[in-house]
Amino acid sequence: MDVKKLSNEEVYKLLENLSTWKIKESKLYKLYKFKNFNQAMSFMVSVAMECEKMNHHPQWYNVYGNVEVSLTTHRVAGITELDFKLAGIMDKLSSNLNPRKD
């Protein structure tokens, strides 16, 4: 699949549709907060299945009920539409688990 690095203008325009995400260290970033470790791991497993289908994988880590995510496309050294697509999928999957709002 041919992907292109988005310009800063394109990134910030698309970011308007993902109000809970931000740019941190030149990557799409979000911290998901779940009620417990099991919910966090359920989220990560469900996302992993989608990542395999897309052949696009996040940089992420889990501590108890928190999952910290950074998205970028390494082969173009920047943010692409794939990152935004994965961010949307992650938000949809997390909403099924009723994450914490704090």
N, C-alpha and C. Protein backbone atom coordinates (compact mmCIF):
# COMPACT_ATOMS: atom_id res chain seq x y z
N MET A 1 0.85 -1.18 0.00
CA MET A 1 0.00 0.00 0.00
C MET A 1 0.89 1.24 0.00
N ASP A 2 0.58 2.17 -0.88
CA ASP A 2 1.32 3.42 -0.98
C ASP A 2 0.73 4.44 -0.01
N VAL A 3 1.54 4.92 0.92
CA VAL A 3 1.09 5.93 1.87
C VAL A 3 2.01 7.13 1.78
N LYS A 4 1.45 8.31 2.07
CA LYS A 4 2.28 9.51 2.05
C LYS A 4 2.18 10.22 3.39
N LYS A 5 3.29 10.81 3.75
CA LYS A 5 3.34 11.61 4.97
C LYS A 5 2.46 12.84 4.78
N LEU A 6 1.62 13.11 5.78
CA LEU A 6 0.74 14.27 5.72
C LEU A 6 1.50 15.53 6.13
N SER A 7 1.12 16.66 5.53
CA SER A 7 1.69 17.94 5.94
C SER A 7 1.13 18.32 7.31
N ASN A 8 1.76 19.27 7.96
CA ASN A 8 1.25 19.74 9.26
C ASN A 8 -0.17 20.26 9.13
N GLU A 9 -0.46 20.95 8.04
CA GLU A 9 -1.80 21.48 7.82
C GLU A 9 -2.82 20.34 7.70
N GLU A 10 -2.47 19.30 6.96
CA GLU A 10 -3.36 18.16 6.79
C GLU A 10 -3.58 17.44 8.12
N VAL A 11 -2.51 17.29 8.90
CA VAL A 11 -2.61 16.62 10.20
C VAL A 11 -3.57 17.38 11.11
N TYR A 12 -3.39 18.68 11.22
CA TYR A 12 -4.23 19.46 12.14
C TYR A 12 -5.68 19.56 11.65
N LYS A 13 -5.87 19.52 10.36
CA LYS A 13 -7.24 19.50 9.82
C LYS A 13 -7.93 18.19 10.19
N LEU A 14 -7.24 17.05 9.99
CA LEU A 14 -7.82 15.75 10.35
C LEU A 14 -7.98 15.59 11.86
N LEU A 15 -7.10 16.22 12.60
CA LEU A 15 -7.16 16.13 14.07
C LEU A 15 -8.45 16.74 14.62
N GLU A 16 -9.05 17.64 13.88
CA GLU A 16 -10.33 18.24 14.30
C GLU A 16 -11.41 17.18 14.48
N ASN A 17 -11.30 16.07 13.77
CA ASN A 17 -12.28 14.98 13.86
C ASN A 17 -11.98 14.01 15.00
N LEU A 18 -10.83 14.16 15.63
CA LEU A 18 -10.43 13.29 16.74
C LEU A 18 -10.14 14.17 17.96
N SER A 19 -11.17 14.70 18.55
CA SER A 19 -11.01 15.72 19.59
C SER A 19 -10.24 15.25 20.83
N THR A 20 -10.19 13.95 21.05
CA THR A 20 -9.51 13.46 22.26
C THR A 20 -8.05 13.07 21.99
N TRP A 21 -7.59 13.25 20.77
CA TRP A 21 -6.20 12.98 20.41
C TRP A 21 -5.45 14.30 20.31
N LYS A 22 -4.13 14.23 20.46
CA LYS A 22 -3.30 15.41 20.28
C LYS A 22 -1.99 15.01 19.59
N ILE A 23 -1.21 15.99 19.25
CA ILE A 23 0.11 15.72 18.68
C ILE A 23 1.12 15.84 19.82
N LYS A 24 1.93 14.81 19.98
CA LYS A 24 2.97 14.79 21.00
C LYS A 24 4.20 14.15 20.37
N GLU A 25 5.30 14.87 20.39
CA GLU A 25 6.55 14.38 19.81
C GLU A 25 6.36 13.94 18.35
N SER A 26 5.64 14.73 17.59
CA SER A 26 5.38 14.50 16.16
C SER A 26 4.61 13.22 15.87
N LYS A 27 3.81 12.76 16.84
CA LYS A 27 2.98 11.56 16.68
C LYS A 27 1.58 11.86 17.16
N LEU A 28 0.59 11.11 16.63
CA LEU A 28 -0.75 11.16 17.20
C LEU A 28 -0.68 10.49 18.57
N TYR A 29 -1.26 11.10 19.58
CA TYR A 29 -1.11 10.59 20.94
C TYR A 29 -2.45 10.61 21.68
N LYS A 30 -2.64 9.55 22.47
CA LYS A 30 -3.81 9.49 23.36
C LYS A 30 -3.51 8.56 24.52
N LEU A 31 -4.05 8.90 25.68
CA LEU A 31 -4.00 8.04 26.85
C LEU A 31 -5.42 7.55 27.12
N TYR A 32 -5.61 6.25 26.99
CA TYR A 32 -6.89 5.62 27.32
C TYR A 32 -6.84 5.18 28.77
N LYS A 33 -7.92 5.43 29.50
CA LYS A 33 -8.00 5.03 30.92
C LYS A 33 -9.18 4.09 31.09
N PHE A 34 -8.87 2.88 31.50
CA PHE A 34 -9.91 1.87 31.72
C PHE A 34 -10.06 1.61 33.21
N LYS A 35 -11.13 0.94 33.56
CA LYS A 35 -11.43 0.70 34.97
C LYS A 35 -10.46 -0.27 35.63
N ASN A 36 -9.87 -1.16 34.83
CA ASN A 36 -8.96 -2.15 35.40
C ASN A 36 -8.07 -2.73 34.30
N PHE A 37 -7.16 -3.57 34.71
CA PHE A 37 -6.20 -4.20 33.80
C PHE A 37 -6.90 -5.06 32.75
N ASN A 38 -7.92 -5.81 33.15
CA ASN A 38 -8.62 -6.68 32.20
C ASN A 38 -9.25 -5.89 31.06
N GLN A 39 -9.85 -4.75 31.37
CA GLN A 39 -10.42 -3.92 30.32
C GLN A 39 -9.33 -3.38 29.39
N ALA A 40 -8.24 -2.94 29.98
CA ALA A 40 -7.14 -2.42 29.17
C ALA A 40 -6.60 -3.50 28.23
N MET A 41 -6.43 -4.69 28.73
CA MET A 41 -5.92 -5.78 27.89
C MET A 41 -6.95 -6.21 26.84
N SER A 42 -8.21 -6.20 27.19
CA SER A 42 -9.26 -6.52 26.20
C SER A 42 -9.21 -5.52 25.05
N PHE A 43 -9.04 -4.27 25.40
CA PHE A 43 -8.91 -3.22 24.39
C PHE A 43 -7.70 -3.50 23.50
N MET A 44 -6.57 -3.77 24.11
CA MET A 44 -5.34 -3.99 23.34
C MET A 44 -5.46 -5.20 22.41
N VAL A 45 -6.09 -6.25 22.87
CA VAL A 45 -6.25 -7.44 22.03
C VAL A 45 -7.18 -7.13 20.86
N SER A 46 -8.28 -6.44 21.13
CA SER A 46 -9.20 -6.13 20.03
C SER A 46 -8.54 -5.20 19.01
N VAL A 47 -7.75 -4.25 19.48
CA VAL A 47 -7.03 -3.36 18.56
C VAL A 47 -5.99 -4.15 17.78
N ALA A 48 -5.30 -5.07 18.44
CA ALA A 48 -4.26 -5.85 17.77
C ALA A 48 -4.82 -6.61 16.57
N MET A 49 -6.03 -7.12 16.70
CA MET A 49 -6.65 -7.85 15.58
C MET A 49 -6.86 -6.92 14.38
N GLU A 50 -7.30 -5.70 14.65
CA GLU A 50 -7.49 -4.73 13.57
C GLU A 50 -6.15 -4.30 12.96
N CYS A 51 -5.15 -4.15 13.81
CA CYS A 51 -3.81 -3.77 13.34
C CYS A 51 -3.26 -4.80 12.37
N GLU A 52 -3.47 -6.05 12.67
CA GLU A 52 -3.00 -7.11 11.78
C GLU A 52 -3.68 -7.03 10.42
N LYS A 53 -4.97 -6.74 10.42
CA LYS A 53 -5.70 -6.60 9.15
C LYS A 53 -5.14 -5.44 8.33
N MET A 54 -4.77 -4.37 9.02
CA MET A 54 -4.27 -3.17 8.36
C MET A 54 -2.77 -3.24 8.05
N ASN A 55 -2.08 -4.17 8.71
CA ASN A 55 -0.62 -4.22 8.68
C ASN A 55 -0.05 -2.86 9.11
N HIS A 56 -0.61 -2.35 10.19
CA HIS A 56 -0.20 -1.05 10.74
C HIS A 56 -0.31 -1.16 12.25
N HIS A 57 0.78 -0.95 12.95
CA HIS A 57 0.84 -1.27 14.38
C HIS A 57 1.23 -0.05 15.21
N PRO A 58 0.61 0.09 16.38
CA PRO A 58 0.89 1.26 17.22
C PRO A 58 2.14 1.08 18.08
N GLN A 59 2.63 2.19 18.52
CA GLN A 59 3.59 2.21 19.62
C GLN A 59 2.74 2.45 20.85
N TRP A 60 2.73 1.51 21.78
CA TRP A 60 1.85 1.66 22.93
C TRP A 60 2.41 0.91 24.13
N TYR A 61 1.91 1.29 25.30
CA TYR A 61 2.22 0.50 26.48
C TYR A 61 1.09 0.61 27.48
N ASN A 62 1.08 -0.38 28.35
CA ASN A 62 0.00 -0.55 29.31
C ASN A 62 0.56 -0.56 30.72
N VAL A 63 -0.06 0.22 31.60
CA VAL A 63 0.21 0.15 33.03
C VAL A 63 -1.15 0.08 33.71
N TYR A 64 -1.42 -1.06 34.33
CA TYR A 64 -2.69 -1.36 34.98
C TYR A 64 -3.85 -1.07 34.04
N GLY A 65 -4.63 -0.04 34.28
CA GLY A 65 -5.80 0.24 33.45
C GLY A 65 -5.56 1.30 32.39
N ASN A 66 -4.34 1.74 32.24
CA ASN A 66 -4.03 2.78 31.27
C ASN A 66 -3.31 2.21 30.06
N VAL A 67 -3.68 2.71 28.88
CA VAL A 67 -3.00 2.35 27.64
C VAL A 67 -2.60 3.65 26.96
N GLU A 68 -1.31 3.87 26.86
CA GLU A 68 -0.77 5.06 26.22
C GLU A 68 -0.40 4.72 24.78
N VAL A 69 -0.89 5.52 23.83
CA VAL A 69 -0.74 5.21 22.41
C VAL A 69 -0.07 6.37 21.67
N SER A 70 0.90 6.03 20.83
CA SER A 70 1.51 7.00 19.90
C SER A 70 1.46 6.38 18.52
N LEU A 71 0.94 7.13 17.56
CA LEU A 71 0.80 6.61 16.21
C LEU A 71 1.62 7.43 15.22
N THR A 72 2.38 6.73 14.40
CA THR A 72 3.13 7.31 13.31
C THR A 72 3.41 6.19 12.32
N THR A 73 3.70 6.56 11.09
CA THR A 73 4.02 5.56 10.08
C THR A 73 5.52 5.61 9.84
N HIS A 74 6.20 4.59 10.32
CA HIS A 74 7.67 4.60 10.30
C HIS A 74 8.25 4.65 8.89
N ARG A 75 7.61 4.01 7.94
CA ARG A 75 8.21 3.95 6.60
C ARG A 75 8.22 5.29 5.88
N VAL A 76 7.43 6.26 6.36
CA VAL A 76 7.49 7.61 5.79
C VAL A 76 7.92 8.64 6.84
N ALA A 77 8.26 8.17 8.03
CA ALA A 77 8.75 9.04 9.12
C ALA A 77 7.79 10.18 9.42
N GLY A 78 6.50 9.82 9.55
CA GLY A 78 5.52 10.84 9.89
C GLY A 78 4.12 10.27 10.01
N ILE A 79 3.18 11.16 10.19
CA ILE A 79 1.78 10.79 10.35
C ILE A 79 1.13 10.67 8.97
N THR A 80 0.34 9.59 8.80
CA THR A 80 -0.36 9.35 7.55
C THR A 80 -1.84 9.12 7.82
N GLU A 81 -2.59 8.95 6.74
CA GLU A 81 -4.01 8.64 6.89
C GLU A 81 -4.21 7.31 7.61
N LEU A 82 -3.26 6.38 7.48
CA LEU A 82 -3.36 5.11 8.22
C LEU A 82 -3.42 5.34 9.72
N ASP A 83 -2.64 6.30 10.20
CA ASP A 83 -2.64 6.60 11.63
C ASP A 83 -3.99 7.14 12.08
N PHE A 84 -4.57 8.00 11.27
CA PHE A 84 -5.90 8.52 11.61
C PHE A 84 -6.96 7.43 11.54
N LYS A 85 -6.84 6.55 10.58
CA LYS A 85 -7.80 5.44 10.48
C LYS A 85 -7.70 4.56 11.72
N LEU A 86 -6.47 4.22 12.12
CA LEU A 86 -6.30 3.39 13.31
C LEU A 86 -6.78 4.10 14.56
N ALA A 87 -6.55 5.39 14.67
CA ALA A 87 -7.03 6.16 15.82
C ALA A 87 -8.56 6.08 15.92
N GLY A 88 -9.24 6.21 14.80
CA GLY A 88 -10.70 6.10 14.80
C GLY A 88 -11.18 4.73 15.22
N ILE A 89 -10.50 3.70 14.75
CA ILE A 89 -10.84 2.32 15.13
C ILE A 89 -10.64 2.15 16.63
N MET A 90 -9.53 2.67 17.15
CA MET A 90 -9.24 2.55 18.58
C MET A 90 -10.32 3.24 19.42
N ASP A 91 -10.73 4.42 19.00
CA ASP A 91 -11.78 5.12 19.74
C ASP A 91 -13.08 4.33 19.75
N LYS A 92 -13.43 3.77 18.60
CA LYS A 92 -14.65 2.97 18.52
C LYS A 92 -14.57 1.74 19.43
N LEU A 93 -13.46 1.04 19.39
CA LEU A 93 -13.30 -0.16 20.21
C LEU A 93 -13.26 0.18 21.70
N SER A 94 -12.66 1.30 22.05
CA SER A 94 -12.60 1.67 23.47
C SER A 94 -13.98 2.04 24.00
N SER A 95 -14.81 2.64 23.16
CA SER A 95 -16.14 3.04 23.64
C SER A 95 -16.99 1.85 24.03
N ASN A 96 -16.73 0.70 23.44
CA ASN A 96 -17.46 -0.53 23.81
C ASN A 96 -17.12 -0.99 25.22
N LEU A 97 -15.99 -0.52 25.76
CA LEU A 97 -15.53 -0.95 27.10
C LEU A 97 -15.84 0.06 28.18
N ASN A 98 -16.46 1.19 27.83
CA ASN A 98 -16.82 2.21 28.80
C ASN A 98 -15.60 2.69 29.59
N PRO A 99 -14.63 3.32 28.91
CA PRO A 99 -13.42 3.78 29.61
C PRO A 99 -13.71 4.88 30.63
N ARG A 100 -12.78 5.07 31.56
CA ARG A 100 -12.89 6.14 32.55
C ARG A 100 -12.76 7.48 31.85
N LYS A 101 -13.38 8.50 32.40
CA LYS A 101 -13.34 9.84 31.82
C LYS A 101 -12.35 10.76 32.53
N ASP A 102 -11.78 10.33 33.64
CA ASP A 102 -10.90 11.21 34.41
C ASP A 102 -9.53 11.38 33.82
